[in-house]
Structure formats: structure tokens, C-alpha cells
């Protein structure tokens, strides 16, 4: 916000305008314009910022960047609970386990701890398989889990996507659900990573 504040102040001074004039044109109070330019107090709302910028002949552009996992929805939590009923009770069970170092917001949806750790990501609706595979591989690399499991809801859509892309995913997730589920039911860490559809 400090950079935006400086840009707004510099634009106003460069145009030879007073804060009170900018405030009147933008429909803001003079104190709001002053606080924004000094980057003090609460940051301006988006509508305040765009009005302030427009009064100076500027346009606000906002860009979103990935910075962690999205909030999980009820179907995803239900999928994880379905798995809980199938996993041997000897496994330790941890949810939302952070990956990497401090400040890294990526997390495994679930980590099962046995003789080694298993990182599990639950997906209720498969979309971009290449992005999913890259995300899983990066989390695996950075987290130190022994194997990873992609836990997928058994919807018609998801089964269709997996049939179409199974060959591409095989290098990262070679085992099928039968082998994964057999190991988890027996309290054993699977011999490799794989996909489990429930």
C-alpha cells in the first residue's frame, strides 16, 4: 500500500491539485485522501481507491496471485471423512499440514503418519490436470513426505478426466486405488504414490 500511496501523492502534486479538490471530485473526505496518501490508518476500500485514482486521471488495476490453498468446501471435507473410515487406526491423522518453511502457505489436506508420512490432497472436481500435477510434485518435493495420494471424488466427471489423463499422471502417481486402499487399510505406507477414487 505504501507504493500506491506514494503514487497517488506524486500524481496529485504533479497535477498541482490540493487534497480538498481531489476529495471533492472523488466523493471522499479530505482526511480520507490524506490518510491514503500517507498510508496511515485503515487501508482504503477498493471503491475509495478507484475514486481517488480516477480524480487524478489514474486507473486502478488489481491482480490476484496464488498464495496458498483455497478454502476447502463441505464436499471435500466429507471426502476426507470417507477416507477416515477406511484407514487403519494405527495411522496418525493430521489435517491442513503446512509444506515447506515459514511463510509458505501451501498445505496438504491430510497427512497420515505411519512408518513414513503420506501427503494427501483431496479433490472434489478435477479441472487443470497439468497444474494439479505440478502443484502435487512441488509439495512432495518441499515437504518430505514419503509418498503422495490424490484422493478424488468418484463423480462421472472426475472419472472421465482421470481416464483421459491417466497416462500423463502415471509418472507422479503410478499406483491405482486398489493398491493404495489395500495398503491404507492394512496400516502400511503404500510402496509408491497413486490415485484413490472414493
N, C-alpha and C. Protein backbone atom coordinates (compact mmCIF):
# COMPACT_ATOMS: atom_id res chain seq x y z
N UNK A 1 0.82 -1.19 0.00
CA UNK A 1 0.00 0.00 0.00
C UNK A 1 0.87 1.26 0.00
N UNK A 2 2.06 1.15 0.57
CA UNK A 2 2.93 2.33 0.63
C UNK A 2 3.27 2.84 -0.76
N UNK A 3 3.49 1.91 -1.71
CA UNK A 3 3.82 2.32 -3.07
C UNK A 3 2.64 3.02 -3.74
N UNK A 4 1.41 2.49 -3.53
CA UNK A 4 0.22 3.13 -4.08
C UNK A 4 0.02 4.52 -3.48
N UNK A 5 0.24 4.61 -2.18
CA UNK A 5 0.09 5.90 -1.50
C UNK A 5 1.03 6.93 -2.11
N UNK A 6 2.28 6.53 -2.34
CA UNK A 6 3.27 7.45 -2.91
C UNK A 6 2.87 7.83 -4.34
N UNK A 7 2.36 6.88 -5.11
CA UNK A 7 1.94 7.18 -6.49
C UNK A 7 0.78 8.18 -6.50
N UNK A 8 -0.18 7.99 -5.60
CA UNK A 8 -1.32 8.91 -5.54
C UNK A 8 -0.87 10.32 -5.14
N UNK A 9 0.00 10.37 -4.15
CA UNK A 9 0.51 11.68 -3.70
C UNK A 9 1.30 12.36 -4.81
N UNK A 10 2.20 11.60 -5.47
CA UNK A 10 3.02 12.17 -6.54
C UNK A 10 2.15 12.65 -7.71
N UNK A 11 1.11 11.87 -8.05
CA UNK A 11 0.21 12.28 -9.14
C UNK A 11 -0.53 13.56 -8.79
N UNK A 12 -0.98 13.67 -7.54
CA UNK A 12 -1.70 14.89 -7.13
C UNK A 12 -0.78 16.10 -7.15
N UNK A 13 0.43 15.93 -6.60
CA UNK A 13 1.37 17.05 -6.58
C UNK A 13 1.81 17.42 -8.00
N UNK A 14 2.01 16.39 -8.84
CA UNK A 14 2.40 16.64 -10.23
C UNK A 14 1.33 17.39 -10.99
N UNK A 15 0.07 17.19 -10.64
CA UNK A 15 -1.04 17.88 -11.30
C UNK A 15 -1.34 19.23 -10.65
N UNK A 16 -0.64 19.52 -9.56
CA UNK A 16 -0.85 20.80 -8.88
C UNK A 16 -2.19 20.89 -8.19
N UNK A 17 -2.71 19.76 -7.70
CA UNK A 17 -4.03 19.74 -7.06
C UNK A 17 -3.90 19.69 -5.55
N UNK A 18 -4.90 20.23 -4.89
CA UNK A 18 -4.96 20.16 -3.43
C UNK A 18 -5.74 18.90 -3.03
N UNK A 19 -5.48 18.41 -1.84
CA UNK A 19 -6.20 17.24 -1.35
C UNK A 19 -7.69 17.50 -1.29
N UNK A 20 -8.08 18.70 -0.91
CA UNK A 20 -9.51 19.01 -0.80
C UNK A 20 -10.20 18.94 -2.16
N UNK A 21 -9.51 19.33 -3.24
CA UNK A 21 -10.10 19.25 -4.58
C UNK A 21 -10.25 17.78 -5.00
N UNK A 22 -9.20 16.98 -4.77
CA UNK A 22 -9.25 15.55 -5.11
C UNK A 22 -10.38 14.89 -4.32
N UNK A 23 -10.50 15.23 -3.05
CA UNK A 23 -11.54 14.64 -2.21
C UNK A 23 -12.93 14.97 -2.75
N UNK A 24 -13.16 16.22 -3.12
CA UNK A 24 -14.47 16.65 -3.64
C UNK A 24 -14.80 15.89 -4.93
N UNK A 25 -13.87 15.79 -5.87
CA UNK A 25 -14.10 15.11 -7.14
C UNK A 25 -14.32 13.61 -6.92
N UNK A 26 -13.58 13.03 -5.98
CA UNK A 26 -13.66 11.58 -5.73
C UNK A 26 -14.83 11.21 -4.82
N UNK A 27 -15.46 12.20 -4.20
CA UNK A 27 -16.55 11.90 -3.27
C UNK A 27 -16.04 11.35 -1.95
N UNK A 28 -14.86 11.79 -1.54
CA UNK A 28 -14.24 11.34 -0.30
C UNK A 28 -14.04 12.53 0.63
N UNK A 29 -13.73 12.24 1.88
CA UNK A 29 -13.37 13.33 2.78
C UNK A 29 -11.90 13.68 2.55
N UNK A 30 -11.54 14.91 2.89
CA UNK A 30 -10.14 15.33 2.74
C UNK A 30 -9.25 14.50 3.65
N UNK A 31 -9.77 14.14 4.82
CA UNK A 31 -8.96 13.33 5.75
C UNK A 31 -8.71 11.92 5.18
N UNK A 32 -9.70 11.38 4.45
CA UNK A 32 -9.52 10.06 3.82
C UNK A 32 -8.41 10.12 2.77
N UNK A 33 -8.43 11.19 1.94
CA UNK A 33 -7.38 11.38 0.92
C UNK A 33 -6.02 11.51 1.60
N UNK A 34 -5.97 12.28 2.66
CA UNK A 34 -4.71 12.48 3.39
C UNK A 34 -4.19 11.17 3.98
N UNK A 35 -5.08 10.42 4.64
CA UNK A 35 -4.66 9.14 5.25
C UNK A 35 -4.16 8.17 4.18
N UNK A 36 -4.86 8.13 3.04
CA UNK A 36 -4.45 7.23 1.96
C UNK A 36 -3.07 7.61 1.44
N UNK A 37 -2.85 8.91 1.21
CA UNK A 37 -1.56 9.37 0.70
C UNK A 37 -0.43 9.13 1.69
N UNK A 38 -0.72 9.15 2.97
CA UNK A 38 0.30 8.92 4.00
C UNK A 38 0.40 7.46 4.41
N UNK A 39 -0.54 6.62 3.89
CA UNK A 39 -0.58 5.20 4.22
C UNK A 39 -0.68 4.99 5.74
N UNK A 40 -1.66 5.67 6.33
CA UNK A 40 -1.90 5.51 7.77
C UNK A 40 -3.36 5.11 7.98
N UNK A 41 -3.61 4.47 9.09
CA UNK A 41 -4.96 4.03 9.40
C UNK A 41 -5.37 2.84 8.54
N UNK A 42 -6.67 2.62 8.49
CA UNK A 42 -7.18 1.52 7.68
C UNK A 42 -6.94 1.78 6.20
N UNK A 43 -6.57 0.76 5.44
CA UNK A 43 -6.40 0.98 4.00
C UNK A 43 -7.74 1.34 3.37
N UNK A 44 -7.71 2.07 2.26
CA UNK A 44 -8.96 2.46 1.62
C UNK A 44 -9.67 1.24 1.03
N UNK A 45 -11.00 1.31 0.97
CA UNK A 45 -11.76 0.29 0.27
C UNK A 45 -11.45 0.41 -1.22
N UNK A 46 -11.75 -0.61 -1.99
CA UNK A 46 -11.47 -0.60 -3.42
C UNK A 46 -12.21 0.55 -4.10
N UNK A 47 -13.47 0.79 -3.73
CA UNK A 47 -14.21 1.88 -4.37
C UNK A 47 -13.61 3.24 -4.02
N UNK A 48 -13.09 3.40 -2.81
CA UNK A 48 -12.43 4.65 -2.43
C UNK A 48 -11.14 4.84 -3.23
N UNK A 49 -10.40 3.76 -3.36
CA UNK A 49 -9.13 3.82 -4.09
C UNK A 49 -9.36 4.14 -5.56
N UNK A 50 -10.36 3.50 -6.17
CA UNK A 50 -10.62 3.76 -7.59
C UNK A 50 -11.13 5.20 -7.81
N UNK A 51 -11.96 5.71 -6.89
CA UNK A 51 -12.42 7.09 -7.00
C UNK A 51 -11.28 8.08 -6.85
N UNK A 52 -10.42 7.81 -5.87
CA UNK A 52 -9.25 8.66 -5.63
C UNK A 52 -8.36 8.69 -6.87
N UNK A 53 -8.08 7.51 -7.41
CA UNK A 53 -7.23 7.41 -8.60
C UNK A 53 -7.87 8.09 -9.80
N UNK A 54 -9.17 7.88 -10.01
CA UNK A 54 -9.86 8.48 -11.16
C UNK A 54 -9.81 10.01 -11.11
N UNK A 55 -9.90 10.57 -9.91
CA UNK A 55 -9.82 12.02 -9.77
C UNK A 55 -8.47 12.56 -10.22
N UNK A 56 -7.47 11.68 -10.25
CA UNK A 56 -6.12 12.07 -10.66
C UNK A 56 -5.78 11.60 -12.07
N UNK A 57 -6.80 11.06 -12.77
CA UNK A 57 -6.56 10.56 -14.12
C UNK A 57 -5.85 9.23 -14.16
N UNK A 58 -5.98 8.47 -13.08
CA UNK A 58 -5.34 7.15 -12.99
C UNK A 58 -6.41 6.06 -12.95
N UNK A 59 -6.01 4.85 -13.32
CA UNK A 59 -6.91 3.69 -13.27
C UNK A 59 -6.28 2.64 -12.37
N UNK A 60 -7.06 2.07 -11.50
CA UNK A 60 -6.60 1.01 -10.61
C UNK A 60 -6.72 -0.32 -11.32
N UNK A 61 -5.69 -1.13 -11.23
CA UNK A 61 -5.69 -2.48 -11.79
C UNK A 61 -5.29 -3.43 -10.68
N UNK A 62 -6.13 -4.43 -10.43
CA UNK A 62 -5.86 -5.39 -9.35
C UNK A 62 -5.60 -6.74 -9.97
N UNK A 63 -4.56 -7.44 -9.49
CA UNK A 63 -4.21 -8.76 -9.99
C UNK A 63 -4.13 -9.71 -8.81
N UNK A 64 -4.66 -10.90 -8.98
CA UNK A 64 -4.60 -11.92 -7.93
C UNK A 64 -3.50 -12.93 -8.26
N UNK A 65 -2.78 -13.35 -7.24
CA UNK A 65 -1.71 -14.33 -7.39
C UNK A 65 -1.93 -15.47 -6.42
N UNK A 66 -1.57 -16.71 -6.79
CA UNK A 66 -1.71 -17.83 -5.86
C UNK A 66 -0.85 -17.60 -4.63
N UNK A 67 -1.41 -17.89 -3.48
CA UNK A 67 -0.67 -17.70 -2.23
C UNK A 67 -1.17 -18.67 -1.18
N UNK A 68 -1.22 -19.94 -1.54
CA UNK A 68 -1.72 -20.94 -0.61
C UNK A 68 -2.90 -21.68 -1.18
N UNK A 69 -3.41 -22.57 -0.40
CA UNK A 69 -4.53 -23.39 -0.85
C UNK A 69 -5.84 -22.66 -0.62
N UNK A 70 -6.82 -22.91 -1.49
CA UNK A 70 -8.12 -22.29 -1.29
C UNK A 70 -8.83 -22.91 -0.08
N UNK A 71 -9.83 -22.19 0.40
CA UNK A 71 -10.65 -22.71 1.50
C UNK A 71 -11.36 -23.97 1.02
N UNK A 72 -11.36 -24.98 1.84
CA UNK A 72 -11.96 -26.25 1.45
C UNK A 72 -13.45 -26.21 1.70
N UNK A 73 -14.18 -26.87 0.81
CA UNK A 73 -15.63 -26.86 0.92
C UNK A 73 -16.14 -28.11 1.62
N UNK A 74 -17.43 -28.11 1.93
CA UNK A 74 -18.03 -29.23 2.65
C UNK A 74 -17.86 -30.56 1.92
N UNK A 75 -18.06 -30.64 0.59
CA UNK A 75 -17.86 -31.93 -0.09
C UNK A 75 -16.44 -32.46 0.06
N UNK A 76 -15.46 -31.57 0.07
CA UNK A 76 -14.08 -32.02 0.23
C UNK A 76 -13.85 -32.58 1.63
N UNK A 77 -14.41 -31.91 2.63
CA UNK A 77 -14.28 -32.41 4.00
C UNK A 77 -15.00 -33.76 4.15
N UNK A 78 -16.13 -33.92 3.47
CA UNK A 78 -16.83 -35.21 3.50
C UNK A 78 -15.99 -36.30 2.86
N UNK A 79 -15.29 -35.97 1.78
CA UNK A 79 -14.42 -36.94 1.11
C UNK A 79 -13.31 -37.39 2.05
N UNK A 80 -12.74 -36.47 2.78
CA UNK A 80 -11.68 -36.82 3.74
C UNK A 80 -12.24 -37.70 4.85
N UNK A 81 -13.47 -37.40 5.30
CA UNK A 81 -14.09 -38.23 6.33
C UNK A 81 -14.40 -39.64 5.82
N UNK A 82 -14.76 -39.77 4.54
CA UNK A 82 -14.96 -41.10 3.96
C UNK A 82 -13.67 -41.91 4.04
N UNK A 83 -12.57 -41.25 3.77
CA UNK A 83 -11.28 -41.93 3.84
C UNK A 83 -10.98 -42.36 5.27
N UNK A 84 -11.30 -41.51 6.23
CA UNK A 84 -11.02 -41.83 7.64
C UNK A 84 -11.62 -43.18 8.03
N UNK A 85 -12.82 -43.46 7.52
CA UNK A 85 -13.50 -44.72 7.86
C UNK A 85 -12.79 -45.93 7.28
N UNK A 86 -11.93 -45.72 6.28
CA UNK A 86 -11.27 -46.83 5.59
C UNK A 86 -9.83 -47.05 6.02
N UNK A 87 -9.24 -46.07 6.68
CA UNK A 87 -7.82 -46.12 7.03
C UNK A 87 -7.62 -46.84 8.36
N UNK A 88 -6.57 -47.64 8.42
CA UNK A 88 -6.23 -48.36 9.65
C UNK A 88 -5.99 -47.37 10.78
N UNK A 89 -6.51 -47.65 11.98
CA UNK A 89 -6.38 -46.69 13.09
C UNK A 89 -4.96 -46.48 13.59
N UNK A 90 -4.01 -47.29 13.16
CA UNK A 90 -2.63 -47.10 13.60
C UNK A 90 -1.97 -45.86 12.98
N UNK A 91 -2.55 -45.35 11.90
CA UNK A 91 -2.00 -44.14 11.27
C UNK A 91 -2.32 -42.91 12.12
N UNK A 92 -1.34 -42.04 12.27
CA UNK A 92 -1.58 -40.71 12.83
C UNK A 92 -2.30 -39.88 11.78
N UNK A 93 -3.12 -38.95 12.19
CA UNK A 93 -4.00 -38.22 11.28
C UNK A 93 -3.84 -36.73 11.52
N UNK A 94 -3.29 -35.99 10.55
CA UNK A 94 -3.12 -34.54 10.67
C UNK A 94 -3.72 -33.86 9.44
N UNK A 95 -4.52 -32.82 9.66
CA UNK A 95 -5.12 -32.09 8.55
C UNK A 95 -4.48 -30.72 8.39
N UNK A 96 -4.58 -30.18 7.17
CA UNK A 96 -4.03 -28.87 6.83
C UNK A 96 -2.59 -28.72 7.32
N UNK A 97 -1.72 -29.63 6.85
CA UNK A 97 -0.32 -29.66 7.27
C UNK A 97 0.50 -28.79 6.32
N UNK A 98 1.09 -27.75 6.86
CA UNK A 98 1.86 -26.82 6.04
C UNK A 98 3.06 -27.49 5.40
N UNK A 99 3.39 -27.01 4.22
CA UNK A 99 4.51 -27.51 3.43
C UNK A 99 5.63 -26.49 3.50
N UNK A 100 6.86 -26.94 3.56
CA UNK A 100 7.99 -26.02 3.44
C UNK A 100 8.24 -25.19 4.68
N UNK A 101 8.80 -24.02 4.44
CA UNK A 101 9.27 -23.17 5.52
C UNK A 101 8.22 -22.13 5.92
N UNK A 102 8.56 -21.36 6.94
CA UNK A 102 7.70 -20.29 7.43
C UNK A 102 7.32 -19.36 6.28
N UNK A 103 6.06 -19.03 6.18
CA UNK A 103 5.59 -18.15 5.12
C UNK A 103 5.07 -18.88 3.90
N UNK A 104 5.34 -20.19 3.80
CA UNK A 104 4.83 -21.00 2.70
C UNK A 104 3.43 -21.44 3.08
N UNK A 105 2.41 -20.95 2.37
CA UNK A 105 1.03 -21.20 2.75
C UNK A 105 0.46 -22.48 2.14
N UNK A 106 1.26 -23.19 1.35
CA UNK A 106 0.77 -24.45 0.79
C UNK A 106 0.61 -25.47 1.92
N UNK A 107 -0.38 -26.34 1.77
CA UNK A 107 -0.63 -27.34 2.81
C UNK A 107 -1.18 -28.61 2.18
N UNK A 108 -0.86 -29.73 2.81
CA UNK A 108 -1.52 -30.99 2.47
C UNK A 108 -2.88 -30.96 3.15
N UNK A 109 -3.90 -31.45 2.47
CA UNK A 109 -5.21 -31.55 3.10
C UNK A 109 -5.15 -32.51 4.29
N UNK A 110 -4.32 -33.52 4.14
CA UNK A 110 -4.21 -34.56 5.16
C UNK A 110 -2.83 -35.18 5.08
N UNK A 111 -2.23 -35.46 6.22
CA UNK A 111 -1.01 -36.26 6.27
C UNK A 111 -1.27 -37.42 7.21
N UNK A 112 -1.03 -38.63 6.70
CA UNK A 112 -1.11 -39.84 7.52
C UNK A 112 0.30 -40.20 7.93
N UNK A 113 0.49 -40.42 9.24
CA UNK A 113 1.81 -40.77 9.75
C UNK A 113 1.83 -42.22 10.17
N UNK A 114 2.70 -43.00 9.54
CA UNK A 114 2.92 -44.39 9.89
C UNK A 114 4.43 -44.59 10.00
N UNK A 115 4.95 -45.62 9.36
CA UNK A 115 6.41 -45.80 9.33
C UNK A 115 7.05 -44.67 8.52
N UNK A 116 6.26 -44.01 7.70
CA UNK A 116 6.65 -42.81 6.96
C UNK A 116 5.37 -41.98 6.78
N UNK A 117 5.52 -40.77 6.28
CA UNK A 117 4.35 -39.90 6.12
C UNK A 117 3.81 -39.96 4.70
N UNK A 118 2.48 -39.86 4.61
CA UNK A 118 1.77 -39.87 3.33
C UNK A 118 1.05 -38.53 3.19
N UNK A 119 1.39 -37.77 2.15
CA UNK A 119 0.72 -36.50 1.88
C UNK A 119 -0.49 -36.74 1.00
N UNK A 120 -1.65 -36.25 1.43
CA UNK A 120 -2.89 -36.49 0.69
C UNK A 120 -3.54 -35.16 0.34
N UNK A 121 -3.89 -35.02 -0.94
CA UNK A 121 -4.67 -33.89 -1.40
C UNK A 121 -6.01 -34.41 -1.89
N UNK A 122 -7.09 -33.79 -1.43
CA UNK A 122 -8.44 -34.21 -1.80
C UNK A 122 -9.01 -33.26 -2.84
N UNK A 123 -9.55 -33.81 -3.92
CA UNK A 123 -10.13 -33.02 -5.00
C UNK A 123 -11.55 -33.50 -5.26
N UNK A 124 -12.50 -32.58 -5.20
CA UNK A 124 -13.89 -32.95 -5.49
C UNK A 124 -14.27 -32.69 -6.94
N UNK A 125 -13.51 -31.83 -7.61
CA UNK A 125 -13.81 -31.52 -9.02
C UNK A 125 -12.49 -31.27 -9.75
N UNK A 126 -12.07 -32.22 -10.57
CA UNK A 126 -10.81 -32.08 -11.30
C UNK A 126 -10.98 -31.09 -12.44
N UNK A 127 -9.94 -30.27 -12.62
CA UNK A 127 -10.03 -29.24 -13.66
C UNK A 127 -8.76 -29.26 -14.50
N UNK A 128 -7.73 -28.54 -14.09
CA UNK A 128 -6.49 -28.42 -14.84
C UNK A 128 -5.50 -29.47 -14.33
N UNK A 129 -5.40 -30.57 -15.05
CA UNK A 129 -4.59 -31.70 -14.60
C UNK A 129 -3.11 -31.34 -14.57
N UNK A 130 -2.62 -30.59 -15.55
CA UNK A 130 -1.20 -30.21 -15.54
C UNK A 130 -0.87 -29.35 -14.33
N UNK A 131 -1.73 -28.39 -14.01
CA UNK A 131 -1.50 -27.54 -12.84
C UNK A 131 -1.57 -28.36 -11.56
N UNK A 132 -2.50 -29.29 -11.51
CA UNK A 132 -2.63 -30.17 -10.34
C UNK A 132 -1.36 -31.00 -10.17
N UNK A 133 -0.87 -31.58 -11.25
CA UNK A 133 0.32 -32.41 -11.18
C UNK A 133 1.54 -31.58 -10.74
N UNK A 134 1.70 -30.39 -11.29
CA UNK A 134 2.82 -29.53 -10.88
C UNK A 134 2.73 -29.18 -9.40
N UNK A 135 1.50 -28.84 -8.95
CA UNK A 135 1.31 -28.48 -7.54
C UNK A 135 1.66 -29.65 -6.62
N UNK A 136 1.19 -30.85 -6.98
CA UNK A 136 1.48 -32.02 -6.16
C UNK A 136 2.98 -32.33 -6.11
N UNK A 137 3.63 -32.26 -7.28
CA UNK A 137 5.07 -32.56 -7.33
C UNK A 137 5.87 -31.55 -6.51
N UNK A 138 5.50 -30.28 -6.58
CA UNK A 138 6.21 -29.25 -5.81
C UNK A 138 6.01 -29.45 -4.31
N UNK A 139 4.79 -29.78 -3.91
CA UNK A 139 4.53 -30.02 -2.48
C UNK A 139 5.28 -31.26 -2.00
N UNK A 140 5.32 -32.29 -2.83
CA UNK A 140 6.04 -33.52 -2.49
C UNK A 140 7.52 -33.21 -2.30
N UNK A 141 8.08 -32.48 -3.25
CA UNK A 141 9.50 -32.11 -3.20
C UNK A 141 9.83 -31.32 -1.93
N UNK A 142 8.95 -30.41 -1.55
CA UNK A 142 9.25 -29.47 -0.48
C UNK A 142 8.82 -29.92 0.91
N UNK A 143 8.09 -31.04 1.00
CA UNK A 143 7.52 -31.38 2.31
C UNK A 143 8.17 -32.57 2.99
N UNK A 144 8.84 -33.43 2.27
CA UNK A 144 9.50 -34.57 2.89
C UNK A 144 8.59 -35.76 3.17
N UNK A 145 7.36 -35.78 2.62
CA UNK A 145 6.53 -36.97 2.79
C UNK A 145 7.09 -38.07 1.89
N UNK A 146 6.86 -39.33 2.28
CA UNK A 146 7.40 -40.46 1.51
C UNK A 146 6.66 -40.67 0.20
N UNK A 147 5.33 -40.65 0.27
CA UNK A 147 4.50 -40.83 -0.92
C UNK A 147 3.34 -39.85 -0.86
N UNK A 148 2.70 -39.68 -2.00
CA UNK A 148 1.52 -38.80 -2.06
C UNK A 148 0.34 -39.57 -2.63
N UNK A 149 -0.83 -39.17 -2.19
CA UNK A 149 -2.07 -39.77 -2.68
C UNK A 149 -2.99 -38.64 -3.12
N UNK A 150 -3.49 -38.76 -4.34
CA UNK A 150 -4.52 -37.85 -4.82
C UNK A 150 -5.85 -38.53 -4.55
N UNK A 151 -6.61 -37.97 -3.63
CA UNK A 151 -7.91 -38.50 -3.23
C UNK A 151 -8.98 -37.75 -4.03
N UNK A 152 -9.76 -38.48 -4.82
CA UNK A 152 -10.68 -37.86 -5.76
C UNK A 152 -12.10 -38.38 -5.54
N UNK A 153 -13.07 -37.45 -5.57
CA UNK A 153 -14.48 -37.86 -5.52
C UNK A 153 -14.81 -38.67 -6.76
N UNK A 154 -15.58 -39.74 -6.57
CA UNK A 154 -15.89 -40.65 -7.66
C UNK A 154 -17.04 -40.19 -8.53
N UNK A 155 -17.02 -38.95 -8.98
CA UNK A 155 -18.08 -38.45 -9.86
C UNK A 155 -17.81 -38.88 -11.30
N UNK A 156 -18.85 -38.85 -12.11
CA UNK A 156 -18.70 -39.18 -13.53
C UNK A 156 -17.67 -38.27 -14.18
N UNK A 157 -17.75 -36.98 -13.90
CA UNK A 157 -16.80 -36.01 -14.46
C UNK A 157 -15.36 -36.38 -14.10
N UNK A 158 -15.11 -36.60 -12.80
CA UNK A 158 -13.74 -36.89 -12.35
C UNK A 158 -13.21 -38.19 -12.96
N UNK A 159 -14.05 -39.22 -13.02
CA UNK A 159 -13.61 -40.49 -13.62
C UNK A 159 -13.26 -40.29 -15.10
N UNK A 160 -14.04 -39.48 -15.79
CA UNK A 160 -13.78 -39.20 -17.19
C UNK A 160 -12.45 -38.46 -17.37
N UNK A 161 -12.21 -37.45 -16.53
CA UNK A 161 -10.97 -36.69 -16.60
C UNK A 161 -9.78 -37.60 -16.32
N UNK A 162 -9.90 -38.45 -15.31
CA UNK A 162 -8.79 -39.35 -14.97
C UNK A 162 -8.53 -40.37 -16.08
N UNK A 163 -9.58 -40.90 -16.70
CA UNK A 163 -9.37 -41.83 -17.83
C UNK A 163 -8.59 -41.14 -18.95
N UNK A 164 -8.97 -39.90 -19.21
CA UNK A 164 -8.33 -39.16 -20.30
C UNK A 164 -6.87 -38.82 -20.00
N UNK A 165 -6.55 -38.57 -18.73
CA UNK A 165 -5.21 -38.08 -18.37
C UNK A 165 -4.39 -39.07 -17.53
N UNK A 166 -4.86 -40.29 -17.40
CA UNK A 166 -4.16 -41.23 -16.50
C UNK A 166 -2.71 -41.46 -16.92
N UNK A 167 -2.46 -41.55 -18.21
CA UNK A 167 -1.09 -41.80 -18.68
C UNK A 167 -0.17 -40.65 -18.27
N UNK A 168 -0.65 -39.41 -18.38
CA UNK A 168 0.17 -38.25 -18.01
C UNK A 168 0.47 -38.22 -16.52
N UNK A 169 -0.47 -38.69 -15.72
CA UNK A 169 -0.29 -38.67 -14.26
C UNK A 169 0.53 -39.85 -13.75
N UNK A 170 0.74 -40.87 -14.59
CA UNK A 170 1.38 -42.11 -14.15
C UNK A 170 2.80 -41.89 -13.63
N UNK A 171 3.53 -40.93 -14.16
CA UNK A 171 4.90 -40.73 -13.68
C UNK A 171 4.93 -40.23 -12.24
N UNK A 172 3.93 -39.45 -11.85
CA UNK A 172 3.85 -38.94 -10.49
C UNK A 172 3.05 -39.85 -9.58
N UNK A 173 1.95 -40.42 -10.12
CA UNK A 173 1.00 -41.20 -9.32
C UNK A 173 0.79 -42.57 -9.98
N UNK A 174 1.77 -43.46 -9.89
CA UNK A 174 1.67 -44.72 -10.64
C UNK A 174 0.66 -45.74 -10.09
N UNK A 175 0.41 -45.75 -8.78
CA UNK A 175 -0.46 -46.80 -8.22
C UNK A 175 -1.93 -46.48 -8.42
N UNK A 176 -2.72 -47.54 -8.55
CA UNK A 176 -4.16 -47.34 -8.65
C UNK A 176 -4.80 -47.43 -7.27
N UNK A 177 -6.08 -47.15 -7.23
CA UNK A 177 -6.80 -47.08 -5.97
C UNK A 177 -6.82 -48.37 -5.17
N UNK A 178 -6.89 -49.50 -5.85
CA UNK A 178 -6.93 -50.79 -5.16
C UNK A 178 -5.68 -50.98 -4.30
N UNK A 179 -4.51 -50.70 -4.91
CA UNK A 179 -3.25 -50.87 -4.18
C UNK A 179 -3.12 -49.86 -3.03
N UNK A 180 -3.52 -48.62 -3.30
CA UNK A 180 -3.46 -47.58 -2.27
C UNK A 180 -4.37 -47.95 -1.10
N UNK A 181 -5.61 -48.27 -1.40
CA UNK A 181 -6.58 -48.57 -0.36
C UNK A 181 -6.19 -49.83 0.42
N UNK A 182 -5.67 -50.83 -0.26
CA UNK A 182 -5.23 -52.05 0.41
C UNK A 182 -4.14 -51.75 1.45
N UNK A 183 -3.18 -50.92 1.07
CA UNK A 183 -2.11 -50.56 2.00
C UNK A 183 -2.65 -49.75 3.17
N UNK A 184 -3.50 -48.76 2.90
CA UNK A 184 -4.02 -47.92 3.98
C UNK A 184 -4.89 -48.71 4.95
N UNK A 185 -5.67 -49.64 4.42
CA UNK A 185 -6.50 -50.49 5.30
C UNK A 185 -5.63 -51.39 6.19
N UNK A 186 -4.48 -51.80 5.66
CA UNK A 186 -3.59 -52.69 6.40
C UNK A 186 -2.65 -51.93 7.34
N UNK A 187 -2.71 -50.61 7.31
CA UNK A 187 -1.83 -49.82 8.17
C UNK A 187 -0.42 -49.72 7.62
N UNK A 188 -0.28 -49.87 6.31
CA UNK A 188 1.03 -49.87 5.65
C UNK A 188 1.13 -48.66 4.73
N UNK A 189 2.32 -48.06 4.68
CA UNK A 189 2.55 -46.96 3.74
C UNK A 189 2.63 -47.57 2.35
N UNK A 190 1.88 -47.07 1.37
CA UNK A 190 1.93 -47.62 0.02
C UNK A 190 3.36 -47.58 -0.53
N UNK A 191 3.68 -48.53 -1.42
CA UNK A 191 5.04 -48.62 -1.95
C UNK A 191 5.37 -47.47 -2.92
N UNK A 192 4.35 -46.79 -3.40
CA UNK A 192 4.53 -45.64 -4.31
C UNK A 192 3.33 -44.73 -4.18
N UNK A 193 3.37 -43.61 -4.86
CA UNK A 193 2.27 -42.65 -4.87
C UNK A 193 1.17 -43.13 -5.81
N UNK A 194 -0.03 -42.60 -5.64
CA UNK A 194 -1.11 -43.03 -6.51
C UNK A 194 -2.38 -42.23 -6.34
N UNK A 195 -3.41 -42.69 -7.03
CA UNK A 195 -4.73 -42.02 -7.05
C UNK A 195 -5.75 -42.94 -6.39
N UNK A 196 -6.55 -42.39 -5.50
CA UNK A 196 -7.61 -43.14 -4.85
C UNK A 196 -8.93 -42.43 -5.11
N UNK A 197 -9.86 -43.12 -5.73
CA UNK A 197 -11.19 -42.57 -6.01
C UNK A 197 -12.17 -43.13 -5.01
N UNK A 198 -12.91 -42.26 -4.33
CA UNK A 198 -13.94 -42.69 -3.39
C UNK A 198 -15.28 -42.11 -3.79
